[in-house]
PDB file of N, CA and C in Angstrom:
ATOM      1  N   MET A   1     -36.115 -14.339  14.725  1.00  0.00           N
ATOM      2  CA  MET A   1     -36.887 -14.736  12.966  1.00  0.00           C
ATOM      3  C   MET A   1     -36.294 -13.713  12.054  1.00  0.00           C
ATOM      4  N   LYS A   2     -35.727 -14.065  10.897  1.00  0.00           N
ATOM      5  CA  LYS A   2     -34.970 -13.573  10.113  1.00  0.00           C
ATOM      6  C   LYS A   2     -36.192 -12.616   9.048  1.00  0.00           C
ATOM      7  N   THR A   3     -36.247 -11.305   9.109  1.00  0.00           N
ATOM      8  CA  THR A   3     -37.005 -10.808   8.263  1.00  0.00           C
ATOM      9  C   THR A   3     -36.899 -10.759   6.976  1.00  0.00           C
ATOM     10  N   PRO A   4     -37.866 -11.236   6.066  1.00  0.00           N
ATOM     11  CA  PRO A   4     -38.238 -11.014   4.763  1.00  0.00           C
ATOM     12  C   PRO A   4     -37.227  -9.730   4.233  1.00  0.00           C
ATOM     13  N   ARG A   5     -36.837 -10.317   2.826  1.00  0.00           N
ATOM     14  CA  ARG A   5     -36.916  -9.170   2.510  1.00  0.00           C
ATOM     15  C   ARG A   5     -37.992  -8.570   1.127  1.00  0.00           C
ATOM     16  N   ARG A   6     -37.608  -7.178   0.790  1.00  0.00           N
ATOM     17  CA  ARG A   6     -38.718  -7.094   0.202  1.00  0.00           C
ATOM     18  C   ARG A   6     -38.143  -6.201  -0.885  1.00  0.00           C
ATOM     19  N   LEU A   7     -37.818  -7.179  -2.078  1.00  0.00           N
ATOM     20  CA  LEU A   7     -36.981  -7.023  -3.050  1.00  0.00           C
ATOM     21  C   LEU A   7     -37.733  -6.998  -4.710  1.00  0.00           C
ATOM     22  N   GLY A   8     -37.758  -6.415  -5.354  1.00  0.00           N
ATOM     23  CA  GLY A   8     -38.467  -5.945  -6.645  1.00  0.00           C
ATOM     24  C   GLY A   8     -37.160  -6.374  -7.508  1.00  0.00           C
ATOM     25  N   ILE A   9     -36.982  -6.945  -8.493  1.00  0.00           N
ATOM     26  CA  ILE A   9     -36.271  -6.388  -9.654  1.00  0.00           C
ATOM     27  C   ILE A   9     -36.791  -6.267 -11.197  1.00  0.00           C
ATOM     28  N   TRP A  10     -36.294  -5.530 -11.812  1.00  0.00           N
ATOM     29  CA  TRP A  10     -36.855  -5.304 -13.033  1.00  0.00           C
ATOM     30  C   TRP A  10     -35.401  -5.440 -13.831  1.00  0.00           C
ATOM     31  N   MET A  11     -35.961  -6.001 -15.186  1.00  0.00           N
ATOM     32  CA  MET A  11     -34.729  -6.377 -16.376  1.00  0.00           C
ATOM     33  C   MET A  11     -35.237  -6.694 -17.530  1.00  0.00           C
ATOM     34  N   ASP A  12     -34.406  -6.541 -18.103  1.00  0.00           N
ATOM     35  CA  ASP A  12     -34.473  -7.155 -19.807  1.00  0.00           C
ATOM     36  C   ASP A  12     -32.775  -7.269 -20.348  1.00  0.00           C
ATOM     37  N   HIS A  13     -32.366  -7.353 -21.086  1.00  0.00           N
ATOM     38  CA  HIS A  13     -31.159  -8.082 -22.159  1.00  0.00           C
ATOM     39  C   HIS A  13     -30.226  -6.818 -21.713  1.00  0.00           C
ATOM     40  N   SER A  14     -30.435  -5.600 -21.707  1.00  0.00           N
ATOM     41  CA  SER A  14     -29.199  -5.028 -21.196  1.00  0.00           C
ATOM     42  C   SER A  14     -29.285  -3.974 -20.245  1.00  0.00           C
ATOM     43  N   VAL A  15     -30.195  -3.838 -19.113  1.00  0.00           N
ATOM     44  CA  VAL A  15     -30.161  -3.132 -18.027  1.00  0.00           C
ATOM     45  C   VAL A  15     -31.450  -4.274 -17.108  1.00  0.00           C
ATOM     46  N   ALA A  16     -30.680  -3.743 -15.721  1.00  0.00           N
ATOM     47  CA  ALA A  16     -31.351  -4.446 -14.284  1.00  0.00           C
ATOM     48  C   ALA A  16     -31.307  -3.500 -13.461  1.00  0.00           C
ATOM     49  N   ARG A  17     -32.418  -3.457 -12.970  1.00  0.00           N
ATOM     50  CA  ARG A  17     -32.913  -2.695 -11.285  1.00  0.00           C
ATOM     51  C   ARG A  17     -33.123  -3.687 -10.443  1.00  0.00           C
ATOM     52  N   LEU A  18     -32.823  -3.339  -9.052  1.00  0.00           N
ATOM     53  CA  LEU A  18     -32.722  -4.372  -8.292  1.00  0.00           C
ATOM     54  C   LEU A  18     -33.311  -3.435  -7.001  1.00  0.00           C
ATOM     55  N   MET A  19     -34.784  -3.046  -6.734  1.00  0.00           N
ATOM     56  CA  MET A  19     -35.361  -2.295  -6.084  1.00  0.00           C
ATOM     57  C   MET A  19     -35.441  -2.641  -4.257  1.00  0.00           C
ATOM     58  N   GLU A  20     -34.621  -2.331  -3.292  1.00  0.00           N
ATOM     59  CA  GLU A  20     -34.665  -3.197  -2.012  1.00  0.00           C
ATOM     60  C   GLU A  20     -36.156  -1.933  -1.556  1.00  0.00           C
ATOM     61  N   TYR A  21     -36.955  -2.820  -0.569  1.00  0.00           N
ATOM     62  CA  TYR A  21     -38.079  -1.084   0.313  1.00  0.00           C
ATOM     63  C   TYR A  21     -37.242  -1.960   1.689  1.00  0.00           C
ATOM     64  N   THR A  22     -36.759  -0.526   2.653  1.00  0.00           N
ATOM     65  CA  THR A  22     -35.882  -1.061   3.640  1.00  0.00           C
ATOM     66  C   THR A  22     -36.372   0.121   4.879  1.00  0.00           C
ATOM     67  N   ASP A  23     -36.950   0.294   5.619  1.00  0.00           N
ATOM     68  CA  ASP A  23     -36.999   1.449   6.443  1.00  0.00           C
ATOM     69  C   ASP A  23     -38.050   2.613   5.765  1.00  0.00           C
ATOM     70  N   GLY A  24     -38.744   2.185   5.197  1.00  0.00           N
ATOM     71  CA  GLY A  24     -40.011   3.050   4.527  1.00  0.00           C
ATOM     72  C   GLY A  24     -39.303   4.066   3.216  1.00  0.00           C
ATOM     73  N   GLU A  25     -38.207   3.864   2.960  1.00  0.00           N
ATOM     74  CA  GLU A  25     -37.114   4.128   1.521  1.00  0.00           C
ATOM     75  C   GLU A  25     -37.406   2.949   0.453  1.00  0.00           C
ATOM     76  N   TYR A  26     -36.865   3.577  -0.419  1.00  0.00           N
ATOM     77  CA  TYR A  26     -36.371   2.264  -1.958  1.00  0.00           C
ATOM     78  C   TYR A  26     -34.778   2.157  -2.099  1.00  0.00           C
ATOM     79  N   LYS A  27     -33.825   1.524  -1.726  1.00  0.00           N
ATOM     80  CA  LYS A  27     -32.353   1.109  -2.046  1.00  0.00           C
ATOM     81  C   LYS A  27     -32.701   0.862  -3.884  1.00  0.00           C
ATOM     82  N   VAL A  28     -32.119   1.320  -4.446  1.00  0.00           N
ATOM     83  CA  VAL A  28     -31.865   1.178  -6.169  1.00  0.00           C
ATOM     84  C   VAL A  28     -30.356   1.074  -6.326  1.00  0.00           C
ATOM     85  N   ILE A  29     -30.440  -0.514  -6.692  1.00  0.00           N
ATOM     86  CA  ILE A  29     -29.200  -0.959  -7.257  1.00  0.00           C
ATOM     87  C   ILE A  29     -29.315  -0.941  -9.006  1.00  0.00           C
ATOM     88  N   THR A  30     -28.761  -0.347  -9.993  1.00  0.00           N
ATOM     89  CA  THR A  30     -28.724  -0.454 -11.168  1.00  0.00           C
ATOM     90  C   THR A  30     -27.423  -1.446 -11.838  1.00  0.00           C
ATOM     91  N   PHE A  31     -28.285  -2.491 -12.591  1.00  0.00           N
ATOM     92  CA  PHE A  31     -26.744  -2.758 -13.446  1.00  0.00           C
ATOM     93  C   PHE A  31     -26.696  -2.572 -14.852  1.00  0.00           C
ATOM     94  N   ASP A  32     -25.784  -2.509 -15.512  1.00  0.00           N
ATOM     95  CA  ASP A  32     -25.781  -2.324 -17.390  1.00  0.00           C
ATOM     96  C   ASP A  32     -25.045  -3.449 -18.280  1.00  0.00           C
ATOM     97  N   SER A  33     -25.492  -4.137 -19.069  1.00  0.00           N
ATOM     98  CA  SER A  33     -24.536  -5.365 -19.653  1.00  0.00           C
ATOM     99  C   SER A  33     -23.640  -4.518 -20.416  1.00  0.00           C
ATOM    100  N   ASN A  34     -22.204  -5.013 -20.477  1.00  0.00           N
ATOM    101  CA  ASN A  34     -21.202  -4.149 -20.739  1.00  0.00           C
ATOM    102  C   ASN A  34     -21.262  -4.871 -22.424  1.00  0.00           C
ATOM    103  N   PHE A  35     -22.127  -5.585 -22.796  1.00  0.00           N
ATOM    104  CA  PHE A  35     -21.896  -5.447 -24.142  1.00  0.00           C
ATOM    105  C   PHE A  35     -22.770  -4.186 -25.110  1.00  0.00           C
ATOM    106  N   VAL A  36     -22.027  -4.256 -26.575  1.00  0.00           N
ATOM    107  CA  VAL A  36     -22.423  -3.084 -27.285  1.00  0.00           C
ATOM    108  C   VAL A  36     -22.539  -4.260 -28.339  1.00  0.00           C
ATOM    109  N   GLY A  37     -23.314  -4.048 -29.253  1.00  0.00           N
ATOM    110  CA  GLY A  37     -23.401  -4.446 -30.400  1.00  0.00           C
ATOM    111  C   GLY A  37     -22.397  -4.021 -31.378  1.00  0.00           C
ATOM    112  N   LEU A  38     -21.743  -5.123 -32.574  1.00  0.00           N
ATOM    113  CA  LEU A  38     -21.148  -4.596 -33.250  1.00  0.00           C
ATOM    114  C   LEU A  38     -21.966  -3.983 -34.635  1.00  0.00           C
ATOM    115  N   ASP A  39     -20.721  -3.311 -35.167  1.00  0.00           N
ATOM    116  CA  ASP A  39     -21.458  -2.756 -36.330  1.00  0.00           C
ATOM    117  C   ASP A  39     -21.091  -3.916 -37.561  1.00  0.00           C
ATOM    118  N   ASN A  40     -21.093  -3.437 -38.523  1.00  0.00           N
ATOM    119  CA  ASN A  40     -20.730  -4.586 -39.859  1.00  0.00           C
ATOM    120  C   ASN A  40     -19.589  -4.262 -40.233  1.00  0.00           C
ATOM    121  N   GLN A  41     -18.489  -3.224 -39.708  1.00  0.00           N
ATOM    122  CA  GLN A  41     -17.009  -3.359 -40.018  1.00  0.00           C
ATOM    123  C   GLN A  41     -16.328  -4.534 -38.918  1.00  0.00           C
ATOM    124  N   ASP A  42     -17.224  -4.088 -37.804  1.00  0.00           N
ATOM    125  CA  ASP A  42     -16.418  -5.393 -36.839  1.00  0.00           C
ATOM    126  C   ASP A  42     -16.636  -7.114 -37.144  1.00  0.00           C
ATOM    127  N   GLY A  43     -17.933  -6.925 -37.790  1.00  0.00           N
ATOM    128  CA  GLY A  43     -18.512  -7.855 -38.076  1.00  0.00           C
ATOM    129  C   GLY A  43     -17.805  -9.129 -39.235  1.00  0.00           C
ATOM    130  N   LEU A  44     -17.259  -7.973 -39.953  1.00  0.00           N
ATOM    131  CA  LEU A  44     -16.759  -8.253 -41.298  1.00  0.00           C
ATOM    132  C   LEU A  44     -15.177  -8.940 -40.919  1.00  0.00           C
ATOM    133  N   GLN A  45     -14.560  -8.365 -39.751  1.00  0.00           N
ATOM    134  CA  GLN A  45     -13.221  -8.257 -39.629  1.00  0.00           C
ATOM    135  C   GLN A  45     -13.197 -10.084 -38.318  1.00  0.00           C
ATOM    136  N   HIS A  46     -14.343 -10.007 -37.468  1.00  0.00           N
ATOM    137  CA  HIS A  46     -14.252 -10.977 -37.102  1.00  0.00           C
ATOM    138  C   HIS A  46     -15.007 -12.485 -37.824  1.00  0.00           C
ATOM    139  N   SER A  47     -14.659 -13.644 -37.198  1.00  0.00           N
ATOM    140  CA  SER A  47     -15.397 -14.826 -37.485  1.00  0.00           C
ATOM    141  C   SER A  47     -17.009 -15.084 -36.450  1.00  0.00           C
ATOM    142  N   GLU A  48     -17.908 -14.812 -36.853  1.00  0.00           N
ATOM    143  CA  GLU A  48     -19.319 -15.441 -36.413  1.00  0.00           C
ATOM    144  C   GLU A  48     -19.115 -15.631 -35.272  1.00  0.00           C
ATOM    145  N   SER A  49     -18.348 -16.934 -34.968  1.00  0.00           N
ATOM    146  CA  SER A  49     -18.564 -17.578 -33.750  1.00  0.00           C
ATOM    147  C   SER A  49     -17.677 -17.075 -32.577  1.00  0.00           C
ATOM    148  N   LEU A  50     -16.251 -16.317 -32.706  1.00  0.00           N
ATOM    149  CA  LEU A  50     -15.969 -15.474 -31.989  1.00  0.00           C
ATOM    150  C   LEU A  50     -17.090 -14.016 -31.059  1.00  0.00           C
ATOM    151  N   LEU A  51     -17.570 -13.559 -32.505  1.00  0.00           N
ATOM    152  CA  LEU A  51     -18.693 -12.483 -31.631  1.00  0.00           C
ATOM    153  C   LEU A  51     -19.769 -13.384 -30.987  1.00  0.00           C
ATOM    154  N   TYR A  52     -20.185 -14.466 -31.215  1.00  0.00           N
ATOM    155  CA  TYR A  52     -21.261 -15.144 -30.583  1.00  0.00           C
ATOM    156  C   TYR A  52     -20.428 -15.180 -28.614  1.00  0.00           C
ATOM    157  N   ASN A  53     -18.977 -15.915 -28.911  1.00  0.00           N
ATOM    158  CA  ASN A  53     -18.976 -16.540 -27.996  1.00  0.00           C
ATOM    159  C   ASN A  53     -18.408 -14.522 -26.495  1.00  0.00           C
ATOM    160  N   LYS A  54     -18.228 -13.813 -27.407  1.00  0.00           N
ATOM    161  CA  LYS A  54     -17.753 -12.514 -26.506  1.00  0.00           C
ATOM    162  C   LYS A  54     -19.292 -12.353 -26.047  1.00  0.00           C
ATOM    163  N   GLU A  55     -20.289 -12.063 -26.869  1.00  0.00           N
ATOM    164  CA  GLU A  55     -21.902 -12.111 -26.590  1.00  0.00           C
ATOM    165  C   GLU A  55     -22.018 -13.056 -25.496  1.00  0.00           C
ATOM    166  N   ASN A  56     -21.693 -14.100 -25.161  1.00  0.00           N
ATOM    167  CA  ASN A  56     -22.212 -14.996 -24.016  1.00  0.00           C
ATOM    168  C   ASN A  56     -21.296 -14.655 -23.235  1.00  0.00           C
ATOM    169  N   GLN A  57     -19.993 -14.527 -23.267  1.00  0.00           N
ATOM    170  CA  GLN A  57     -19.297 -13.973 -21.570  1.00  0.00           C
ATOM    171  C   GLN A  57     -19.953 -12.584 -21.300  1.00  0.00           C
ATOM    172  N   ALA A  58     -20.246 -11.428 -22.083  1.00  0.00           N
ATOM    173  CA  ALA A  58     -20.367 -10.540 -21.689  1.00  0.00           C
ATOM    174  C   ALA A  58     -22.101 -10.346 -21.103  1.00  0.00           C
ATOM    175  N   LYS A  59     -23.243 -11.654 -21.411  1.00  0.00           N
ATOM    176  CA  LYS A  59     -24.126 -11.838 -20.714  1.00  0.00           C
ATOM    177  C   LYS A  59     -23.674 -12.908 -19.702  1.00  0.00           C
ATOM    178  N   ARG A  60     -23.147 -13.871 -19.854  1.00  0.00           N
ATOM    179  CA  ARG A  60     -22.863 -14.140 -18.514  1.00  0.00           C
ATOM    180  C   ARG A  60     -22.364 -13.333 -17.180  1.00  0.00           C
ATOM    181  N   SER A  61     -21.350 -12.682 -17.340  1.00  0.00           N
ATOM    182  CA  SER A  61     -20.793 -11.577 -16.711  1.00  0.00           C
ATOM    183  C   SER A  61     -22.140 -10.951 -15.828  1.00  0.00           C
ATOM    184  N   PHE A  62     -22.891 -10.071 -16.913  1.00  0.00           N
ATOM    185  CA  PHE A  62     -24.344  -9.141 -16.493  1.00  0.00           C
ATOM    186  C   PHE A  62     -25.151  -9.790 -15.781  1.00  0.00           C
ATOM    187  N   TYR A  63     -25.385 -11.366 -15.770  1.00  0.00           N
ATOM    188  CA  TYR A  63     -26.110 -12.586 -15.213  1.00  0.00           C
ATOM    189  C   TYR A  63     -25.509 -12.352 -13.566  1.00  0.00           C
ATOM    190  N   LYS A  64     -23.866 -13.157 -13.720  1.00  0.00           N
ATOM    191  CA  LYS A  64     -23.556 -13.142 -12.320  1.00  0.00           C
ATOM    192  C   LYS A  64     -23.564 -11.890 -11.629  1.00  0.00           C
ATOM    193  N   SER A  65     -23.465 -10.824 -11.640  1.00  0.00           N
ATOM    194  CA  SER A  65     -23.408  -9.523 -10.991  1.00  0.00           C
ATOM    195  C   SER A  65     -24.898  -9.536 -10.399  1.00  0.00           C
ATOM    196  N   ILE A  66     -25.685  -9.934 -10.882  1.00  0.00           N
ATOM    197  CA  ILE A  66     -27.063  -9.751 -10.365  1.00  0.00           C
ATOM    198  C   ILE A  66     -26.998 -10.885  -9.845  1.00  0.00           C
ATOM    199  N   ILE A  67     -26.878 -11.879  -9.867  1.00  0.00           N
ATOM    200  CA  ILE A  67     -27.152 -13.052  -8.544  1.00  0.00           C
ATOM    201  C   ILE A  67     -25.995 -12.418  -7.508  1.00  0.00           C
ATOM    202  N   GLU A  68     -25.546 -12.262  -7.637  1.00  0.00           N
ATOM    203  CA  GLU A  68     -24.457 -11.589  -6.442  1.00  0.00           C
ATOM    204  C   GLU A  68     -24.949 -10.967  -5.481  1.00  0.00           C
ATOM    205  N   ALA A  69     -25.462  -9.642  -6.481  1.00  0.00           N
ATOM    206  CA  ALA A  69     -26.270  -8.850  -5.497  1.00  0.00           C
ATOM    207  C   ALA A  69     -27.209  -8.899  -4.829  1.00  0.00           C
ATOM    208  N   LEU A  70     -28.326 -10.138  -5.396  1.00  0.00           N
ATOM    209  CA  LEU A  70     -28.957 -10.861  -4.555  1.00  0.00           C
ATOM    210  C   LEU A  70     -28.741 -11.728  -3.385  1.00  0.00           C
ATOM    211  N   LYS A  71     -27.616 -12.215  -3.541  1.00  0.00           N
ATOM    212  CA  LYS A  71     -27.468 -13.149  -2.272  1.00  0.00           C
ATOM    213  C   LYS A  71     -27.004 -12.163  -1.126  1.00  0.00           C
ATOM    214  N   LEU A  72     -27.027 -11.149  -1.199  1.00  0.00           N
ATOM    215  CA  LEU A  72     -26.525 -10.358  -0.145  1.00  0.00           C
ATOM    216  C   LEU A  72     -27.662 -10.290   1.166  1.00  0.00           C
TER     217      LEU A  72
END
């Protein structure tokens, strides 16, 4: 029978930490979102929909990397 994983997840919109307890010690993996807010100058040069799409792509990539780590 396979031993269940002891895994804790702490996350918000910008950082996620996966903490796994194995053999008396904790293994911590940290994921940082690569999206940084744009200042007003960038907002003036780009359309709102383009900025919205960039933000969604960054979020999707962030959550996808977390999901892949959970599958291990």
